[in-house]
Amino acid sequence: MSARVSNISSATTKDALADFFLSKGMPITSRPEHISLITTVDSDGPSRQTYTAVVSFADEPTLKKVLSLTSSERMLNNRILDFDDSFDGYTVLSEGTQVDIVALHGLNGHAFRSWEYYDSKTRERFMWLRDCLLEQILAARVITYGYNANVYLDVSMGRMRTFAETFLERLRYIRERNLARPLIIIAHSMGGLIIKQALIIAHNRADKRYDSIINSVSGIVFLGTPHQGGNGVDTARFVANFVRAFNIDVRVDLIKSLDPRSMVLFDLTDDFRQLVSSKGIEIASLFETKKTKIGIFSQVWIVEERSATLGVIRERKTAINTNHSNLCKFRNSTDSSLISTLQALKEFCKDVVPAISSRHQSTQPPPPDDLRYVSLSDPGELDSTKEYPVLILGQYTYWALSYIDNRYAMAILAYDSSGTIVGRWSKQGARYVHHIEFDEIGGNVSFVGQGNLSVIFQLSELKVTSSARFFG
């Protein structure tokens, strides 16, 4: 059982935190490498910096004792520790700097326990977002998000929109210092419906309040999200089964009495497909291959392959050998289902974490008629070199070309592995590339040319989409 500990003094170490609980007869079971002291800065600025951490205990009685400690008993390094086990809102599990991975649970779920497997025989717990993902993708800041959806009316249009808008506002806040950082989302079941609603809201918002979010999303892993309803099952029956899978009892006749237009489950799919295509968002859809127990005797399919797949170009589809409610938790680090999930996440991360390299321009096809390859050996001289600096992002290689009329501008061309141009962008301010720089914090790519002048792009601007080939 785990708790979120906040208001930890910046002078506190992991060992000191572990010793604090041990001194009170409440030893933690978290391995030291799985305790991250996450920096939080309050409104008074860096001088009031504190930490937040997630710690695990052997059993529920121990956790209850921790939660019942008085203020005086919670004092450590002149600060009163705050404990909670609800995990409402965002909880940061690691402080990677190159990509954010946000995990959203399903109906009647929990921001930590929904992702945790418990072996009743060995009494061991495995929370893969903390105990495995952090080690596999070191560059990632891993974040869970908790919200309270535990009644059947929470799958209605109005409630879904409220969840989505709250998710966006809180996400905007937690990313305010890293607005351009690439974003990957993991969503289980109803969490996927909230994500679809949230991104459509972000895309349609007239004041562009959430543009930094929608433009940063590079990939989404859907775990059993019902995009298209049940195969041969009417909507009311499907919704009832869907809700009952999460131990929420509801009668089919009660759902049938609702206005069918209020049910959000499938209405957003067409709009979301168009959004995914226009923004170049990669999709991985994982689905169950076992029925889920409903009540005492009944077992039914909740979200089969047909419903769990979105039907977009390059969608990764993977069958997971479990039922619907267990799609988001894995036995251990060698679980084949976890390996499949991690592979999708690693591929997404590869597509958003850039590398700077060089290529010989003779390997390239001829440039467009208005452009030419020019790479300087020295930014202060006009001597050119055949070694060309390039940016590699996933499956694409980006080249900075100059115009044949020698204007102070560069055109950035993205090539796929076959040498086909798949995107083109242009900006004024520099010509004749010398080198490329990437600002990890700001998410900016600078193409530096003659006289050390540069053209600068947000990494999200260079995303290959259906319209990218027409820019510049």
Protein backbone atom coordinates (compact mmCIF):
# COMPACT_ATOMS: atom_id res chain seq x y z
CA MET A 1 0.00 0.00 0.00
CA SER A 2 1.33 3.41 -0.96
CA ALA A 3 0.99 7.02 0.11
CA ARG A 4 1.96 10.34 -1.40
CA VAL A 5 4.17 12.34 0.95
CA SER A 6 4.45 16.08 0.39
CA ASN A 7 5.94 19.16 2.07
CA ILE A 8 9.27 17.35 2.50
CA SER A 9 12.15 19.67 3.34
CA SER A 10 14.77 20.09 0.61
CA ALA A 11 17.33 19.06 3.25
CA THR A 12 15.77 15.58 3.52
CA THR A 13 17.42 12.61 1.81
CA LYS A 14 15.85 9.31 0.77
CA ASP A 15 17.56 7.53 3.65
CA ALA A 16 16.35 10.15 6.12
CA LEU A 17 12.78 9.71 4.90
CA ALA A 18 13.04 5.92 5.23
CA ASP A 19 14.52 6.27 8.73
CA PHE A 20 11.66 8.58 9.73
CA PHE A 21 9.08 5.86 9.11
CA LEU A 22 11.28 3.12 10.56
CA SER A 23 11.65 5.09 13.81
CA LYS A 24 7.88 5.03 14.17
CA GLY A 25 7.62 1.30 13.56
CA MET A 26 6.31 1.81 10.03
CA PRO A 27 9.06 0.51 7.72
CA ILE A 28 8.63 1.22 4.04
CA THR A 29 8.93 -1.49 1.40
CA SER A 30 9.94 0.81 -1.46
CA ARG A 31 13.42 0.09 -2.77
CA PRO A 32 15.65 3.19 -2.46
CA GLU A 33 15.99 3.50 -6.24
CA HIS A 34 12.20 3.60 -6.52
CA ILE A 35 11.83 6.56 -4.18
CA SER A 36 12.08 9.82 -6.11
CA LEU A 37 12.20 13.09 -4.24
CA ILE A 38 10.35 15.29 -6.72
CA THR A 39 10.93 19.02 -6.52
CA THR A 40 7.91 21.23 -5.94
CA VAL A 41 8.16 25.00 -5.79
CA ASP A 42 5.34 26.96 -4.16
CA SER A 43 4.15 30.46 -4.97
CA ASP A 44 6.89 32.01 -2.80
CA GLY A 45 9.57 30.86 -5.23
CA PRO A 46 12.70 28.63 -5.11
CA SER A 47 13.58 29.66 -1.56
CA ARG A 48 10.58 27.65 -0.38
CA GLN A 49 11.45 24.57 -2.43
CA THR A 50 10.10 21.28 -1.09
CA TYR A 51 9.90 17.66 -2.20
CA THR A 52 7.09 15.21 -2.86
CA ALA A 53 7.59 11.43 -2.82
CA VAL A 54 5.65 8.19 -3.13
CA VAL A 55 6.41 5.54 -0.51
CA SER A 56 5.04 2.03 -0.11
CA PHE A 57 4.26 0.06 3.05
CA ALA A 58 3.85 -3.65 3.77
CA ASP A 59 0.11 -3.67 4.33
CA GLU A 60 -3.03 -1.59 4.78
CA PRO A 61 -2.88 -1.47 8.61
CA THR A 62 0.57 0.13 8.40
CA LEU A 63 -0.69 2.65 5.86
CA LYS A 64 -3.61 3.54 8.11
CA LYS A 65 -1.22 4.16 11.00
CA VAL A 66 0.80 6.50 8.79
CA LEU A 67 -2.30 8.43 7.73
CA SER A 68 -3.40 8.77 11.37
CA LEU A 69 -0.18 10.39 12.61
CA THR A 70 -0.72 13.72 14.35
CA SER A 71 0.89 16.95 13.21
CA SER A 72 3.59 16.75 15.87
CA GLU A 73 4.34 13.15 14.89
CA ARG A 74 4.73 14.16 11.25
CA MET A 75 7.53 16.66 11.86
CA LEU A 76 10.75 16.09 9.88
CA ASN A 77 13.47 18.70 9.38
CA ASN A 78 11.23 21.47 10.69
CA ARG A 79 8.41 20.65 8.31
CA ILE A 80 5.11 18.88 8.92
CA LEU A 81 4.81 16.11 6.36
CA ASP A 82 1.51 15.75 4.52
CA PHE A 83 0.22 12.25 3.67
CA ASP A 84 -2.57 11.12 1.38
CA ASP A 85 -3.49 7.89 -0.36
CA SER A 86 -6.06 9.30 -2.79
CA PHE A 87 -3.46 10.49 -5.34
CA ASP A 88 -5.95 12.99 -6.72
CA GLY A 89 -4.60 15.16 -9.55
CA TYR A 90 -1.06 14.78 -10.80
CA THR A 91 1.67 12.77 -9.06
CA VAL A 92 5.16 12.98 -10.54
CA LEU A 93 7.11 9.72 -10.21
CA SER A 94 10.35 10.82 -11.89
CA GLU A 95 12.02 14.00 -13.11
CA GLY A 96 13.19 13.20 -16.63
CA THR A 97 13.63 16.24 -18.84
CA GLN A 98 13.09 15.17 -22.45
CA VAL A 99 9.55 13.80 -22.57
CA ASP A 100 6.46 13.71 -20.32
CA ILE A 101 4.56 10.40 -19.99
CA VAL A 102 1.15 10.87 -18.36
CA ALA A 103 -0.94 7.87 -17.24
CA LEU A 104 -4.72 8.15 -16.86
CA HIS A 105 -6.73 5.37 -15.15
CA GLY A 106 -10.23 4.19 -15.98
CA LEU A 107 -13.64 4.23 -14.31
CA ASN A 108 -13.59 3.63 -10.54
CA GLY A 109 -9.80 3.56 -10.73
CA HIS A 110 -6.93 4.96 -8.71
CA ALA A 111 -3.93 6.96 -9.92
CA PHE A 112 -1.48 4.55 -8.28
CA ARG A 113 -3.20 1.27 -7.45
CA SER A 114 -4.82 0.85 -10.88
CA TRP A 115 -1.32 0.37 -12.33
CA GLU A 116 -0.13 -1.95 -9.54
CA TYR A 117 -0.23 -5.76 -9.61
CA TYR A 118 -0.64 -7.53 -6.27
CA ASP A 119 0.37 -11.17 -5.84
CA SER A 120 -1.78 -12.48 -2.99
CA LYS A 121 0.49 -15.52 -2.51
CA THR A 122 3.81 -13.72 -2.17
CA ARG A 123 2.22 -10.43 -1.03
CA GLU A 124 4.50 -8.64 -3.46
CA ARG A 125 3.44 -5.58 -5.43
CA PHE A 126 4.66 -4.40 -8.82
CA MET A 127 3.72 -0.90 -9.97
CA TRP A 128 5.22 -0.87 -13.45
CA LEU A 129 5.14 2.90 -14.01
CA ARG A 130 7.45 3.30 -11.01
CA ASP A 131 9.23 -0.06 -10.75
CA CYS A 132 10.04 -0.57 -14.43
CA LEU A 133 9.20 2.32 -16.77
CA LEU A 134 11.58 4.72 -15.01
CA GLU A 135 14.47 2.35 -15.67
CA GLN A 136 13.51 1.72 -19.28
CA ILE A 137 13.04 5.35 -20.35
CA LEU A 138 15.42 7.46 -18.28
CA ALA A 139 14.66 10.64 -20.21
CA ALA A 140 10.98 10.60 -19.20
CA ARG A 141 9.14 12.49 -16.51
CA VAL A 142 6.49 9.92 -15.54
CA ILE A 143 3.25 11.32 -14.14
CA THR A 144 0.01 9.72 -12.98
CA TYR A 145 -3.32 11.52 -12.94
CA GLY A 146 -6.16 10.73 -10.55
CA TYR A 147 -9.81 11.75 -10.81
CA ASN A 148 -12.98 10.59 -9.08
CA ALA A 149 -15.25 8.75 -11.52
CA ASN A 150 -17.12 5.97 -9.76
CA VAL A 151 -20.78 6.07 -10.80
CA TYR A 152 -22.34 5.07 -14.10
CA LEU A 153 -23.44 8.64 -14.90
CA ASP A 154 -19.75 9.52 -15.17
CA VAL A 155 -19.77 8.13 -18.72
CA SER A 156 -22.26 10.82 -19.77
CA MET A 157 -21.30 13.65 -22.11
CA GLY A 158 -21.51 16.38 -19.48
CA ARG A 159 -19.41 14.57 -16.89
CA MET A 160 -16.86 13.48 -19.47
CA ARG A 161 -16.39 17.07 -20.60
CA THR A 162 -15.89 18.20 -17.01
CA PHE A 163 -13.23 15.52 -16.45
CA ALA A 164 -11.53 16.51 -19.71
CA GLU A 165 -11.45 20.23 -18.95
CA THR A 166 -10.09 19.64 -15.44
CA PHE A 167 -7.42 17.33 -16.87
CA LEU A 168 -6.36 20.03 -19.36
CA GLU A 169 -6.18 22.80 -16.78
CA ARG A 170 -4.11 20.74 -14.37
CA LEU A 171 -1.85 19.49 -17.16
CA ARG A 172 -1.29 23.05 -18.37
CA TYR A 173 -0.25 24.05 -14.86
CA ILE A 174 2.17 21.19 -14.28
CA ARG A 175 3.82 21.82 -17.68
CA GLU A 176 3.96 25.62 -17.48
CA ARG A 177 7.77 25.63 -17.28
CA ASN A 178 8.16 23.08 -20.08
CA LEU A 179 5.35 23.93 -22.49
CA ALA A 180 7.12 22.51 -25.55
CA ARG A 181 8.21 19.21 -24.00
CA PRO A 182 6.91 16.23 -26.02
CA LEU A 183 3.96 14.48 -24.39
CA ILE A 184 2.99 10.81 -24.47
CA ILE A 185 -0.26 9.64 -22.87
CA ILE A 186 -1.20 6.21 -21.50
CA ALA A 187 -4.95 5.78 -21.00
CA HIS A 188 -6.86 2.80 -19.64
CA SER A 189 -10.49 2.23 -20.60
CA MET A 190 -12.59 5.32 -19.77
CA GLY A 191 -9.36 7.29 -19.36
CA GLY A 192 -9.03 7.05 -23.13
CA LEU A 193 -12.48 8.59 -23.59
CA ILE A 194 -11.42 11.53 -21.41
CA ILE A 195 -8.26 11.96 -23.47
CA LYS A 196 -10.23 12.00 -26.72
CA GLN A 197 -12.61 14.60 -25.32
CA ALA A 198 -9.73 16.67 -23.87
CA LEU A 199 -7.72 16.83 -27.08
CA ILE A 200 -10.77 17.75 -29.16
CA ILE A 201 -11.52 20.57 -26.67
CA ALA A 202 -7.88 21.70 -26.85
CA HIS A 203 -7.91 21.67 -30.65
CA ASN A 204 -11.19 23.62 -30.94
CA ARG A 205 -10.48 26.20 -28.24
CA ALA A 206 -10.67 29.63 -29.91
CA ASP A 207 -8.28 31.38 -27.50
CA LYS A 208 -5.59 28.70 -28.07
CA ARG A 209 -5.26 28.21 -24.31
CA TYR A 210 -4.28 24.57 -24.73
CA ASP A 211 -2.26 24.81 -27.95
CA SER A 212 0.96 23.95 -26.11
CA ILE A 213 -0.66 20.66 -25.08
CA ILE A 214 -2.25 19.62 -28.36
CA ASN A 215 0.90 20.52 -30.30
CA SER A 216 3.11 18.52 -27.93
CA VAL A 217 1.19 15.23 -27.98
CA SER A 218 3.25 12.79 -30.01
CA GLY A 219 1.73 9.45 -29.06
CA ILE A 220 -1.13 7.82 -27.14
CA VAL A 221 -1.27 4.25 -25.80
CA PHE A 222 -4.91 3.20 -25.44
CA LEU A 223 -5.47 0.22 -23.13
CA GLY A 224 -8.95 -1.18 -23.80
CA THR A 225 -10.61 2.12 -24.70
CA PRO A 226 -14.06 1.54 -26.28
CA HIS A 227 -13.83 3.60 -29.47
CA GLN A 228 -16.65 1.91 -31.35
CA GLY A 229 -18.97 0.08 -28.98
CA GLY A 230 -19.58 -3.62 -28.56
CA ASN A 231 -19.81 -6.02 -31.47
CA GLY A 232 -23.49 -6.90 -31.79
CA VAL A 233 -24.36 -5.45 -28.35
CA ASP A 234 -26.80 -2.55 -28.03
CA THR A 235 -25.46 0.63 -26.44
CA ALA A 236 -27.34 0.28 -23.15
CA ARG A 237 -26.17 -3.30 -22.61
CA PHE A 238 -22.60 -2.37 -23.58
CA VAL A 239 -22.50 0.58 -21.18
CA ALA A 240 -23.91 -1.59 -18.38
CA ASN A 241 -21.25 -4.27 -18.92
CA PHE A 242 -18.56 -1.62 -19.22
CA VAL A 243 -19.52 -0.03 -15.90
CA ARG A 244 -20.00 -3.35 -14.10
CA ALA A 245 -16.47 -4.40 -15.05
CA PHE A 246 -15.31 -1.83 -12.49
CA ASN A 247 -17.57 -3.12 -9.69
CA ILE A 248 -20.24 -0.47 -10.18
CA ASP A 249 -23.72 -1.98 -10.17
CA VAL A 250 -26.28 -0.55 -12.61
CA ARG A 251 -29.48 -1.76 -14.26
CA VAL A 252 -29.75 -1.89 -18.06
CA ASP A 253 -33.27 -0.44 -17.98
CA LEU A 254 -31.97 2.58 -16.04
CA ILE A 255 -29.38 3.29 -18.73
CA LYS A 256 -32.04 2.90 -21.45
CA SER A 257 -34.08 5.57 -19.74
CA LEU A 258 -31.32 8.12 -20.30
CA ASP A 259 -31.25 10.41 -23.32
CA PRO A 260 -29.05 8.44 -25.76
CA ARG A 261 -27.49 11.69 -26.94
CA SER A 262 -25.97 12.10 -23.46
CA MET A 263 -23.77 9.02 -23.83
CA VAL A 264 -20.29 9.98 -25.02
CA LEU A 265 -18.77 6.58 -25.69
CA PHE A 266 -18.63 6.56 -29.48
CA ASP A 267 -19.63 10.05 -30.62
CA LEU A 268 -16.11 11.47 -30.63
CA THR A 269 -14.32 8.82 -32.68
CA ASP A 270 -14.65 10.36 -36.16
CA ASP A 271 -13.57 13.81 -34.96
CA PHE A 272 -10.69 12.28 -33.06
CA ARG A 273 -9.48 10.32 -36.10
CA GLN A 274 -9.28 13.56 -38.07
CA LEU A 275 -7.41 15.25 -35.22
CA VAL A 276 -4.88 12.42 -34.96
CA SER A 277 -4.22 12.61 -38.69
CA SER A 278 -3.85 16.39 -38.83
CA LYS A 279 -1.52 16.53 -35.82
CA GLY A 280 0.59 13.50 -36.68
CA ILE A 281 -0.17 11.76 -33.36
CA GLU A 282 0.95 8.14 -33.19
CA ILE A 283 -1.51 5.60 -31.78
CA ALA A 284 -0.99 2.23 -30.06
CA SER A 285 -4.11 0.24 -29.18
CA LEU A 286 -3.90 -2.69 -26.77
CA PHE A 287 -6.93 -4.92 -26.17
CA GLU A 288 -7.94 -7.83 -23.95
CA THR A 289 -8.21 -11.45 -25.06
CA LYS A 290 -10.10 -12.74 -22.01
CA LYS A 291 -13.62 -12.18 -20.76
CA THR A 292 -14.22 -10.16 -17.61
CA LYS A 293 -16.15 -11.45 -14.62
CA ILE A 294 -19.40 -9.55 -14.05
CA GLY A 295 -21.15 -10.37 -10.79
CA ILE A 296 -20.85 -13.88 -9.36
CA PHE A 297 -21.41 -16.13 -12.38
CA SER A 298 -21.29 -14.09 -15.57
CA GLN A 299 -18.26 -13.49 -17.78
CA VAL A 300 -18.50 -11.18 -20.79
CA TRP A 301 -16.37 -9.41 -23.35
CA ILE A 302 -16.00 -5.73 -22.44
CA VAL A 303 -13.90 -4.13 -25.19
CA GLU A 304 -13.02 -6.50 -28.01
CA GLU A 305 -10.47 -5.78 -30.74
CA ARG A 306 -12.99 -4.15 -33.08
CA SER A 307 -14.01 -1.62 -30.45
CA ALA A 308 -10.54 -1.12 -28.97
CA THR A 309 -8.88 -0.11 -32.25
CA LEU A 310 -9.22 3.38 -33.65
CA GLY A 311 -8.65 2.58 -37.32
CA VAL A 312 -6.03 5.19 -38.20
CA ILE A 313 -2.89 5.00 -40.34
CA ARG A 314 0.15 3.34 -38.69
CA GLU A 315 -1.88 2.34 -35.62
CA ARG A 316 -0.02 -0.27 -33.57
CA LYS A 317 -2.36 -3.06 -32.45
CA THR A 318 -1.46 -5.56 -29.72
CA ALA A 319 -3.46 -8.31 -28.00
CA ILE A 320 -2.90 -8.59 -24.25
CA ASN A 321 -3.53 -11.93 -22.53
CA THR A 322 -5.79 -10.68 -19.74
CA ASN A 323 -9.25 -9.29 -19.02
CA HIS A 324 -10.38 -5.68 -19.30
CA SER A 325 -9.78 -4.49 -15.75
CA ASN A 326 -6.25 -5.95 -15.63
CA LEU A 327 -5.04 -4.47 -18.92
CA CYS A 328 -3.10 -1.76 -17.09
CA LYS A 329 -1.21 -3.90 -14.57
CA PHE A 330 1.51 -6.51 -15.07
CA ARG A 331 2.98 -9.28 -12.92
CA ASN A 332 6.65 -8.29 -13.20
CA SER A 333 9.25 -6.80 -15.51
CA THR A 334 9.37 -9.95 -17.66
CA ASP A 335 5.62 -10.05 -18.30
CA SER A 336 5.21 -10.35 -22.09
CA SER A 337 2.27 -7.93 -22.02
CA LEU A 338 4.42 -5.32 -20.28
CA ILE A 339 7.18 -5.83 -22.84
CA SER A 340 4.67 -5.12 -25.64
CA THR A 341 3.50 -1.97 -23.86
CA LEU A 342 7.05 -0.77 -23.24
CA GLN A 343 7.97 -1.34 -26.86
CA ALA A 344 5.23 1.03 -28.01
CA LEU A 345 6.33 3.65 -25.47
CA LYS A 346 9.99 3.34 -26.47
CA GLU A 347 9.09 3.77 -30.13
CA PHE A 348 7.10 6.88 -29.30
CA CYS A 349 10.01 8.28 -27.27
CA LYS A 350 12.42 7.58 -30.10
CA ASP A 351 10.17 9.68 -32.31
CA VAL A 352 10.28 12.71 -30.00
CA VAL A 353 13.83 12.77 -28.57
CA PRO A 354 16.06 14.26 -31.29
CA ALA A 355 19.64 13.38 -32.18
CA ILE A 356 22.09 15.63 -34.00
CA SER A 357 24.42 13.96 -36.49
CA SER A 358 26.04 14.54 -39.86
CA ARG A 359 25.59 13.11 -43.34
CA HIS A 360 27.43 13.44 -46.61
CA GLN A 361 25.32 15.49 -48.98
CA SER A 362 26.17 13.14 -51.86
CA THR A 363 23.80 10.61 -50.27
CA GLN A 364 20.86 12.94 -50.82
CA PRO A 365 18.54 13.24 -53.81
CA PRO A 366 18.61 16.53 -55.78
CA PRO A 367 17.03 19.42 -53.87
CA PRO A 368 13.83 21.22 -54.93
CA ASP A 369 14.40 23.75 -57.75
CA ASP A 370 14.43 26.79 -55.42
CA LEU A 371 16.88 25.33 -52.92
CA ARG A 372 20.45 24.10 -52.68
CA TYR A 373 22.66 22.24 -50.23
CA VAL A 374 25.15 24.59 -48.54
CA SER A 375 27.00 23.65 -45.35
CA LEU A 376 29.79 25.86 -44.01
CA SER A 377 32.99 24.56 -42.43
CA ASP A 378 33.23 27.82 -40.43
CA PRO A 379 30.37 30.25 -39.67
CA GLY A 380 32.74 33.18 -40.29
CA GLU A 381 33.83 31.98 -43.72
CA LEU A 382 32.10 31.02 -46.95
CA ASP A 383 34.04 27.78 -47.34
CA SER A 384 31.60 24.93 -47.76
CA THR A 385 31.94 21.33 -46.70
CA LYS A 386 30.36 18.12 -47.92
CA GLU A 387 29.66 16.96 -44.33
CA TYR A 388 26.19 18.19 -43.52
CA PRO A 389 24.67 18.63 -40.03
CA VAL A 390 21.30 16.92 -39.75
CA LEU A 391 18.61 16.46 -37.13
CA ILE A 392 17.27 12.92 -36.66
CA LEU A 393 13.83 12.58 -35.17
CA GLY A 394 12.34 9.10 -35.21
CA GLN A 395 12.13 7.81 -38.76
CA TYR A 396 12.85 11.19 -40.34
CA THR A 397 16.05 13.11 -41.09
CA TYR A 398 15.91 16.91 -41.25
CA TRP A 399 18.18 18.93 -43.57
CA ALA A 400 18.55 22.74 -43.55
CA LEU A 401 18.78 23.96 -47.16
CA SER A 402 19.43 27.48 -48.43
CA TYR A 403 17.69 29.34 -51.25
CA ILE A 404 19.32 29.73 -54.67
CA ASP A 405 18.73 33.52 -54.55
CA ASN A 406 20.91 33.68 -51.37
CA ARG A 407 18.21 35.26 -49.20
CA TYR A 408 18.65 35.10 -45.42
CA ALA A 409 16.31 32.18 -44.88
CA MET A 410 16.48 28.42 -44.53
CA ALA A 411 14.08 25.72 -45.61
CA ILE A 412 14.01 22.66 -43.35
CA LEU A 413 13.20 19.49 -45.26
CA ALA A 414 12.23 16.21 -43.59
CA TYR A 415 13.14 13.06 -45.52
CA ASP A 416 11.95 9.54 -44.85
CA SER A 417 14.17 6.48 -45.18
CA SER A 418 13.52 6.25 -48.94
CA GLY A 419 14.69 9.83 -49.55
CA THR A 420 11.19 11.21 -50.05
CA ILE A 421 10.41 14.68 -48.74
CA VAL A 422 7.61 14.37 -46.18
CA GLY A 423 7.69 17.86 -44.67
CA ARG A 424 8.95 21.36 -45.43
CA TRP A 425 9.18 24.44 -43.20
CA SER A 426 10.84 27.82 -43.81
CA LYS A 427 11.96 30.78 -41.69
CA GLN A 428 13.92 33.95 -42.34
CA GLY A 429 16.96 35.09 -40.37
CA ALA A 430 19.91 32.95 -41.43
CA ARG A 431 21.44 31.08 -44.38
CA TYR A 432 24.11 28.45 -45.10
CA VAL A 433 23.89 26.05 -42.15
CA HIS A 434 26.99 25.39 -40.05
CA HIS A 435 25.63 23.39 -37.09
CA ILE A 436 22.45 22.48 -35.21
CA GLU A 437 21.68 23.01 -31.52
CA PHE A 438 18.88 21.59 -29.39
CA ASP A 439 17.67 23.29 -26.20
CA GLU A 440 16.30 20.45 -24.08
CA ILE A 441 14.57 22.74 -21.58
CA GLY A 442 12.85 25.03 -24.05
CA GLY A 443 12.35 22.40 -26.74
CA ASN A 444 13.93 24.66 -29.38
CA VAL A 445 15.97 23.54 -32.39
CA SER A 446 18.41 26.16 -33.74
CA PHE A 447 19.86 25.86 -37.24
CA VAL A 448 22.98 28.07 -37.00
CA GLY A 449 24.45 29.48 -40.18
CA GLN A 450 26.72 32.16 -41.58
CA GLY A 451 27.82 34.72 -38.99
CA ASN A 452 26.31 32.56 -36.25
CA LEU A 453 22.85 33.77 -37.22
CA SER A 454 20.13 31.17 -36.71
CA VAL A 455 16.59 30.18 -37.44
CA ILE A 456 14.79 28.62 -34.49
CA PHE A 457 11.90 26.16 -34.44
CA GLN A 458 9.97 24.62 -31.61
CA LEU A 459 10.41 20.86 -31.87
CA SER A 460 6.63 20.54 -32.11
CA GLU A 461 6.67 22.75 -35.23
CA LEU A 462 8.74 20.15 -37.04
CA LYS A 463 6.22 17.37 -36.56
CA VAL A 464 5.44 15.59 -39.81
CA THR A 465 1.70 15.90 -40.43
CA SER A 466 -0.61 15.75 -43.43
CA SER A 467 -0.10 19.49 -44.01
CA ALA A 468 3.64 19.78 -43.23
CA ARG A 469 4.72 19.23 -46.83
CA PHE A 470 2.98 22.45 -47.86
CA PHE A 471 4.77 24.78 -45.43
CA GLY A 472 7.58 27.04 -46.61
